[in-house]
Amino acid sequence: MPKVNINVPEHLEMQIAQLVEQGEFVSREEAISELLSTGIRAFKTSGPIDDDDRGFEDDGMMGHEDEYVF
């Protein structure tokens, strides 16, 4: 599996750590993988529909620069 390095705001890191501590996920890595997968699935089903097949590169993020919307 490829490795990816990301920087997330401290409040998101705290929420991920809390989910792991509560037993929602076995590890931090599992939490991040599952949350990203869920976000991508949600984006695909409810995101913008475009006739041209340009992918994610021009879609940008919703919200502020340091927020990730899932």
PDB file of N, CA and C in Angstrom:
ATOM      1  N   MET A   1       0.851  -1.172   0.000  1.00  0.00           N
ATOM      2  CA  MET A   1       0.000   0.000   0.000  1.00  0.00           C
ATOM      3  C   MET A   1       0.905   1.246   0.000  1.00  0.00           C
ATOM      4  N   PRO A   2       0.640   2.205  -0.866  1.00  0.00           N
ATOM      5  CA  PRO A   2       1.448   3.421  -0.909  1.00  0.00           C
ATOM      6  C   PRO A   2       1.323   4.219   0.389  1.00  0.00           C
ATOM      7  N   LYS A   3       2.405   4.904   0.753  1.00  0.00           N
ATOM      8  CA  LYS A   3       2.387   5.781   1.926  1.00  0.00           C
ATOM      9  C   LYS A   3       2.186   7.209   1.458  1.00  0.00           C
ATOM     10  N   VAL A   4       1.411   7.967   2.245  1.00  0.00           N
ATOM     11  CA  VAL A   4       1.131   9.361   1.923  1.00  0.00           C
ATOM     12  C   VAL A   4       1.363  10.182   3.178  1.00  0.00           C
ATOM     13  N   ASN A   5       2.048  11.285   3.044  1.00  0.00           N
ATOM     14  CA  ASN A   5       2.228  12.212   4.161  1.00  0.00           C
ATOM     15  C   ASN A   5       1.274  13.372   3.984  1.00  0.00           C
ATOM     16  N   ILE A   6       0.526  13.696   5.046  1.00  0.00           N
ATOM     17  CA  ILE A   6      -0.380  14.841   4.991  1.00  0.00           C
ATOM     18  C   ILE A   6      -0.206  15.670   6.261  1.00  0.00           C
ATOM     19  N   ASN A   7      -0.510  16.925   6.163  1.00  0.00           N
ATOM     20  CA  ASN A   7      -0.551  17.814   7.317  1.00  0.00           C
ATOM     21  C   ASN A   7      -2.007  18.152   7.568  1.00  0.00           C
ATOM     22  N   VAL A   8      -2.461  17.945   8.796  1.00  0.00           N
ATOM     23  CA  VAL A   8      -3.836  18.272   9.149  1.00  0.00           C
ATOM     24  C   VAL A   8      -3.819  19.222  10.330  1.00  0.00           C
ATOM     25  N   PRO A   9      -4.831  20.049  10.445  1.00  0.00           N
ATOM     26  CA  PRO A   9      -4.925  20.954  11.582  1.00  0.00           C
ATOM     27  C   PRO A   9      -4.991  20.158  12.893  1.00  0.00           C
ATOM     28  N   GLU A  10      -4.508  20.763  13.937  1.00  0.00           N
ATOM     29  CA  GLU A  10      -4.445  20.092  15.234  1.00  0.00           C
ATOM     30  C   GLU A  10      -5.812  19.588  15.695  1.00  0.00           C
ATOM     31  N   HIS A  11      -6.874  20.361  15.440  1.00  0.00           N
ATOM     32  CA  HIS A  11      -8.190  19.927  15.904  1.00  0.00           C
ATOM     33  C   HIS A  11      -8.635  18.634  15.224  1.00  0.00           C
ATOM     34  N   LEU A  12      -8.246  18.413  13.960  1.00  0.00           N
ATOM     35  CA  LEU A  12      -8.579  17.165  13.294  1.00  0.00           C
ATOM     36  C   LEU A  12      -7.755  16.012  13.850  1.00  0.00           C
ATOM     37  N   GLU A  13      -6.491  16.256  14.120  1.00  0.00           N
ATOM     38  CA  GLU A  13      -5.636  15.229  14.717  1.00  0.00           C
ATOM     39  C   GLU A  13      -6.179  14.812  16.083  1.00  0.00           C
ATOM     40  N   MET A  14      -6.653  15.769  16.845  1.00  0.00           N
ATOM     41  CA  MET A  14      -7.230  15.460  18.160  1.00  0.00           C
ATOM     42  C   MET A  14      -8.495  14.619  18.007  1.00  0.00           C
ATOM     43  N   GLN A  15      -9.324  14.931  17.021  1.00  0.00           N
ATOM     44  CA  GLN A  15     -10.551  14.161  16.805  1.00  0.00           C
ATOM     45  C   GLN A  15     -10.230  12.732  16.371  1.00  0.00           C
ATOM     46  N   ILE A  16      -9.221  12.564  15.528  1.00  0.00           N
ATOM     47  CA  ILE A  16      -8.810  11.231  15.098  1.00  0.00           C
ATOM     48  C   ILE A  16      -8.284  10.439  16.289  1.00  0.00           C
ATOM     49  N   ALA A  17      -7.442  11.058  17.098  1.00  0.00           N
ATOM     50  CA  ALA A  17      -6.901  10.393  18.288  1.00  0.00           C
ATOM     51  C   ALA A  17      -8.024   9.980  19.235  1.00  0.00           C
ATOM     52  N   GLN A  18      -9.015  10.833  19.387  1.00  0.00           N
ATOM     53  CA  GLN A  18     -10.145  10.528  20.263  1.00  0.00           C
ATOM     54  C   GLN A  18     -10.937   9.330  19.741  1.00  0.00           C
ATOM     55  N   LEU A  19     -11.152   9.255  18.436  1.00  0.00           N
ATOM     56  CA  LEU A  19     -11.861   8.118  17.852  1.00  0.00           C
ATOM     57  C   LEU A  19     -11.104   6.805  18.099  1.00  0.00           C
ATOM     58  N   VAL A  20      -9.782   6.863  18.001  1.00  0.00           N
ATOM     59  CA  VAL A  20      -8.969   5.672  18.257  1.00  0.00           C
ATOM     60  C   VAL A  20      -9.057   5.299  19.732  1.00  0.00           C
ATOM     61  N   GLU A  21      -8.941   6.283  20.620  1.00  0.00           N
ATOM     62  CA  GLU A  21      -9.029   6.025  22.062  1.00  0.00           C
ATOM     63  C   GLU A  21     -10.383   5.431  22.449  1.00  0.00           C
ATOM     64  N   GLN A  22     -11.438   5.848  21.779  1.00  0.00           N
ATOM     65  CA  GLN A  22     -12.783   5.355  22.069  1.00  0.00           C
ATOM     66  C   GLN A  22     -13.032   3.969  21.478  1.00  0.00           C
ATOM     67  N   GLY A  23     -12.070   3.460  20.718  1.00  0.00           N
ATOM     68  CA  GLY A  23     -12.207   2.132  20.141  1.00  0.00           C
ATOM     69  C   GLY A  23     -12.944   2.091  18.819  1.00  0.00           C
ATOM     70  N   GLU A  24     -13.216   3.241  18.233  1.00  0.00           N
ATOM     71  CA  GLU A  24     -13.882   3.271  16.927  1.00  0.00           C
ATOM     72  C   GLU A  24     -12.977   2.692  15.841  1.00  0.00           C
ATOM     73  N   PHE A  25     -11.672   2.851  16.019  1.00  0.00           N
ATOM     74  CA  PHE A  25     -10.673   2.336  15.081  1.00  0.00           C
ATOM     75  C   PHE A  25      -9.553   1.690  15.884  1.00  0.00           C
ATOM     76  N   VAL A  26      -8.890   0.709  15.279  1.00  0.00           N
ATOM     77  CA  VAL A  26      -7.805   0.001  15.951  1.00  0.00           C
ATOM     78  C   VAL A  26      -6.558   0.875  16.048  1.00  0.00           C
ATOM     79  N   SER A  27      -6.315   1.659  15.011  1.00  0.00           N
ATOM     80  CA  SER A  27      -5.107   2.485  14.974  1.00  0.00           C
ATOM     81  C   SER A  27      -5.387   3.802  14.265  1.00  0.00           C
ATOM     82  N   ARG A  28      -4.456   4.696  14.409  1.00  0.00           N
ATOM     83  CA  ARG A  28      -4.534   5.990  13.739  1.00  0.00           C
ATOM     84  C   ARG A  28      -4.555   5.803  12.221  1.00  0.00           C
ATOM     85  N   GLU A  29      -3.702   4.893  11.726  1.00  0.00           N
ATOM     86  CA  GLU A  29      -3.627   4.631  10.296  1.00  0.00           C
ATOM     87  C   GLU A  29      -4.964   4.111   9.757  1.00  0.00           C
ATOM     88  N   GLU A  30      -5.583   3.191  10.511  1.00  0.00           N
ATOM     89  CA  GLU A  30      -6.882   2.669  10.084  1.00  0.00           C
ATOM     90  C   GLU A  30      -7.926   3.786  10.074  1.00  0.00           C
ATOM     91  N   ALA A  31      -7.901   4.634  11.082  1.00  0.00           N
ATOM     92  CA  ALA A  31      -8.867   5.738  11.163  1.00  0.00           C
ATOM     93  C   ALA A  31      -8.729   6.665   9.962  1.00  0.00           C
ATOM     94  N   ILE A  32      -7.514   7.049   9.656  1.00  0.00           N
ATOM     95  CA  ILE A  32      -7.291   7.982   8.548  1.00  0.00           C
ATOM     96  C   ILE A  32      -7.698   7.338   7.224  1.00  0.00           C
ATOM     97  N   SER A  33      -7.341   6.074   7.033  1.00  0.00           N
ATOM     98  CA  SER A  33      -7.705   5.374   5.801  1.00  0.00           C
ATOM     99  C   SER A  33      -9.221   5.274   5.640  1.00  0.00           C
ATOM    100  N   GLU A  34      -9.907   4.864   6.700  1.00  0.00           N
ATOM    101  CA  GLU A  34     -11.370   4.733   6.644  1.00  0.00           C
ATOM    102  C   GLU A  34     -12.055   6.083   6.432  1.00  0.00           C
ATOM    103  N   LEU A  35     -11.584   7.107   7.141  1.00  0.00           N
ATOM    104  CA  LEU A  35     -12.200   8.428   7.016  1.00  0.00           C
ATOM    105  C   LEU A  35     -11.989   9.011   5.614  1.00  0.00           C
ATOM    106  N   LEU A  36     -10.811   8.810   5.041  1.00  0.00           N
ATOM    107  CA  LEU A  36     -10.569   9.279   3.674  1.00  0.00           C
ATOM    108  C   LEU A  36     -11.442   8.520   2.675  1.00  0.00           C
ATOM    109  N   SER A  37     -11.542   7.207   2.848  1.00  0.00           N
ATOM    110  CA  SER A  37     -12.376   6.407   1.947  1.00  0.00           C
ATOM    111  C   SER A  37     -13.831   6.849   2.014  1.00  0.00           C
ATOM    112  N   THR A  38     -14.311   7.077   3.226  1.00  0.00           N
ATOM    113  CA  THR A  38     -15.692   7.529   3.409  1.00  0.00           C
ATOM    114  C   THR A  38     -15.908   8.886   2.757  1.00  0.00           C
ATOM    115  N   GLY A  39     -14.949   9.776   2.926  1.00  0.00           N
ATOM    116  CA  GLY A  39     -15.055  11.101   2.324  1.00  0.00           C
ATOM    117  C   GLY A  39     -15.061  11.057   0.811  1.00  0.00           C
ATOM    118  N   ILE A  40     -14.224  10.210   0.246  1.00  0.00           N
ATOM    119  CA  ILE A  40     -14.176  10.094  -1.217  1.00  0.00           C
ATOM    120  C   ILE A  40     -15.471   9.499  -1.750  1.00  0.00           C
ATOM    121  N   ARG A  41     -15.990   8.468  -1.070  1.00  0.00           N
ATOM    122  CA  ARG A  41     -17.281   7.891  -1.499  1.00  0.00           C
ATOM    123  C   ARG A  41     -18.387   8.935  -1.422  1.00  0.00           C
ATOM    124  N   ALA A  42     -18.404   9.725  -0.351  1.00  0.00           N
ATOM    125  CA  ALA A  42     -19.431  10.762  -0.204  1.00  0.00           C
ATOM    126  C   ALA A  42     -19.283  11.811  -1.298  1.00  0.00           C
ATOM    127  N   PHE A  43     -18.066  12.168  -1.619  1.00  0.00           N
ATOM    128  CA  PHE A  43     -17.825  13.156  -2.659  1.00  0.00           C
ATOM    129  C   PHE A  43     -18.315  12.649  -4.010  1.00  0.00           C
ATOM    130  N   LYS A  44     -18.029  11.387  -4.292  1.00  0.00           N
ATOM    131  CA  LYS A  44     -18.440  10.809  -5.574  1.00  0.00           C
ATOM    132  C   LYS A  44     -19.957  10.753  -5.712  1.00  0.00           C
ATOM    133  N   THR A  45     -20.670  10.534  -4.610  1.00  0.00           N
ATOM    134  CA  THR A  45     -22.121  10.414  -4.698  1.00  0.00           C
ATOM    135  C   THR A  45     -22.840  11.742  -4.581  1.00  0.00           C
ATOM    136  N   SER A  46     -22.212  12.736  -3.961  1.00  0.00           N
ATOM    137  CA  SER A  46     -22.915  14.004  -3.774  1.00  0.00           C
ATOM    138  C   SER A  46     -22.119  15.206  -4.265  1.00  0.00           C
ATOM    139  N   GLY A  47     -20.950  14.976  -4.824  1.00  0.00           N
ATOM    140  CA  GLY A  47     -20.118  16.078  -5.300  1.00  0.00           C
ATOM    141  C   GLY A  47     -20.626  16.638  -6.615  1.00  0.00           C
ATOM    142  N   PRO A  48     -19.935  17.637  -7.104  1.00  0.00           N
ATOM    143  CA  PRO A  48     -20.337  18.253  -8.369  1.00  0.00           C
ATOM    144  C   PRO A  48     -20.230  17.265  -9.518  1.00  0.00           C
ATOM    145  N   ILE A  49     -21.178  17.342 -10.418  1.00  0.00           N
ATOM    146  CA  ILE A  49     -21.174  16.491 -11.603  1.00  0.00           C
ATOM    147  C   ILE A  49     -20.773  17.365 -12.777  1.00  0.00           C
ATOM    148  N   ASP A  50     -19.747  16.932 -13.467  1.00  0.00           N
ATOM    149  CA  ASP A  50     -19.209  17.706 -14.560  1.00  0.00           C
ATOM    150  C   ASP A  50     -19.210  16.854 -15.821  1.00  0.00           C
ATOM    151  N   ASP A  51     -19.560  17.443 -16.937  1.00  0.00           N
ATOM    152  CA  ASP A  51     -19.560  16.705 -18.186  1.00  0.00           C
ATOM    153  C   ASP A  51     -18.150  16.369 -18.647  1.00  0.00           C
ATOM    154  N   ASP A  52     -17.201  17.300 -18.417  1.00  0.00           N
ATOM    155  CA  ASP A  52     -15.840  16.980 -18.814  1.00  0.00           C
ATOM    156  C   ASP A  52     -15.193  16.153 -17.704  1.00  0.00           C
ATOM    157  N   ASP A  53     -14.396  15.177 -18.066  1.00  0.00           N
ATOM    158  CA  ASP A  53     -13.835  14.221 -17.117  1.00  0.00           C
ATOM    159  C   ASP A  53     -12.500  14.740 -16.595  1.00  0.00           C
ATOM    160  N   ARG A  54     -12.527  15.783 -15.779  1.00  0.00           N
ATOM    161  CA  ARG A  54     -11.280  16.400 -15.340  1.00  0.00           C
ATOM    162  C   ARG A  54     -10.778  15.867 -14.027  1.00  0.00           C
ATOM    163  N   GLY A  55     -11.533  15.080 -13.279  1.00  0.00           N
ATOM    164  CA  GLY A  55     -11.052  14.501 -12.032  1.00  0.00           C
ATOM    165  C   GLY A  55     -11.097  15.492 -10.891  1.00  0.00           C
ATOM    166  N   PHE A  56     -10.222  15.290  -9.891  1.00  0.00           N
ATOM    167  CA  PHE A  56     -10.242  16.087  -8.672  1.00  0.00           C
ATOM    168  C   PHE A  56      -9.381  17.342  -8.743  1.00  0.00           C
ATOM    169  N   GLU A  57      -8.458  17.437  -9.684  1.00  0.00           N
ATOM    170  CA  GLU A  57      -7.455  18.487  -9.629  1.00  0.00           C
ATOM    171  C   GLU A  57      -8.019  19.911  -9.632  1.00  0.00           C
ATOM    172  N   ASP A  58      -9.141  20.148 -10.280  1.00  0.00           N
ATOM    173  CA  ASP A  58      -9.688  21.498 -10.335  1.00  0.00           C
ATOM    174  C   ASP A  58     -10.821  21.731  -9.349  1.00  0.00           C
ATOM    175  N   ASP A  59     -11.240  20.694  -8.624  1.00  0.00           N
ATOM    176  CA  ASP A  59     -12.392  20.837  -7.744  1.00  0.00           C
ATOM    177  C   ASP A  59     -12.077  21.630  -6.489  1.00  0.00           C
ATOM    178  N   GLY A  60     -10.870  21.526  -5.972  1.00  0.00           N
ATOM    179  CA  GLY A  60     -10.510  22.254  -4.764  1.00  0.00           C
ATOM    180  C   GLY A  60     -11.229  21.733  -3.544  1.00  0.00           C
ATOM    181  N   MET A  61     -11.036  22.438  -2.411  1.00  0.00           N
ATOM    182  CA  MET A  61     -11.690  22.046  -1.167  1.00  0.00           C
ATOM    183  C   MET A  61     -12.862  22.970  -0.914  1.00  0.00           C
ATOM    184  N   MET A  62     -13.806  22.454  -0.184  1.00  0.00           N
ATOM    185  CA  MET A  62     -14.931  23.267   0.239  1.00  0.00           C
ATOM    186  C   MET A  62     -14.577  23.837   1.599  1.00  0.00           C
ATOM    187  N   GLY A  63     -14.902  25.056   1.883  1.00  0.00           N
ATOM    188  CA  GLY A  63     -14.615  25.621   3.187  1.00  0.00           C
ATOM    189  C   GLY A  63     -13.286  26.351   3.177  1.00  0.00           C
ATOM    190  N   HIS A  64     -12.733  26.471   4.354  1.00  0.00           N
ATOM    191  CA  HIS A  64     -11.495  27.218   4.523  1.00  0.00           C
ATOM    192  C   HIS A  64     -10.292  26.390   4.104  1.00  0.00           C
ATOM    193  N   GLU A  65      -9.170  27.052   3.951  1.00  0.00           N
ATOM    194  CA  GLU A  65      -7.951  26.414   3.482  1.00  0.00           C
ATOM    195  C   GLU A  65      -7.531  25.244   4.367  1.00  0.00           C
ATOM    196  N   ASP A  66      -7.761  25.321   5.686  1.00  0.00           N
ATOM    197  CA  ASP A  66      -7.305  24.267   6.579  1.00  0.00           C
ATOM    198  C   ASP A  66      -8.426  23.300   6.979  1.00  0.00           C
ATOM    199  N   GLU A  67      -9.524  23.289   6.249  1.00  0.00           N
ATOM    200  CA  GLU A  67     -10.629  22.401   6.573  1.00  0.00           C
ATOM    201  C   GLU A  67     -10.804  21.353   5.483  1.00  0.00           C
ATOM    202  N   TYR A  68     -11.136  20.156   5.911  1.00  0.00           N
ATOM    203  CA  TYR A  68     -11.424  19.068   5.004  1.00  0.00           C
ATOM    204  C   TYR A  68     -12.880  18.698   5.230  1.00  0.00           C
ATOM    205  N   VAL A  69     -13.664  18.697   4.189  1.00  0.00           N
ATOM    206  CA  VAL A  69     -15.088  18.439   4.307  1.00  0.00           C
ATOM    207  C   VAL A  69     -15.356  17.013   3.867  1.00  0.00           C
ATOM    208  N   PHE A  70     -15.972  16.241   4.744  1.00  0.00           N
ATOM    209  CA  PHE A  70     -16.311  14.851   4.438  1.00  0.00           C
ATOM    210  C   PHE A  70     -17.790  14.681   4.463  1.00  0.00           C
TER     211      PHE A  70
END
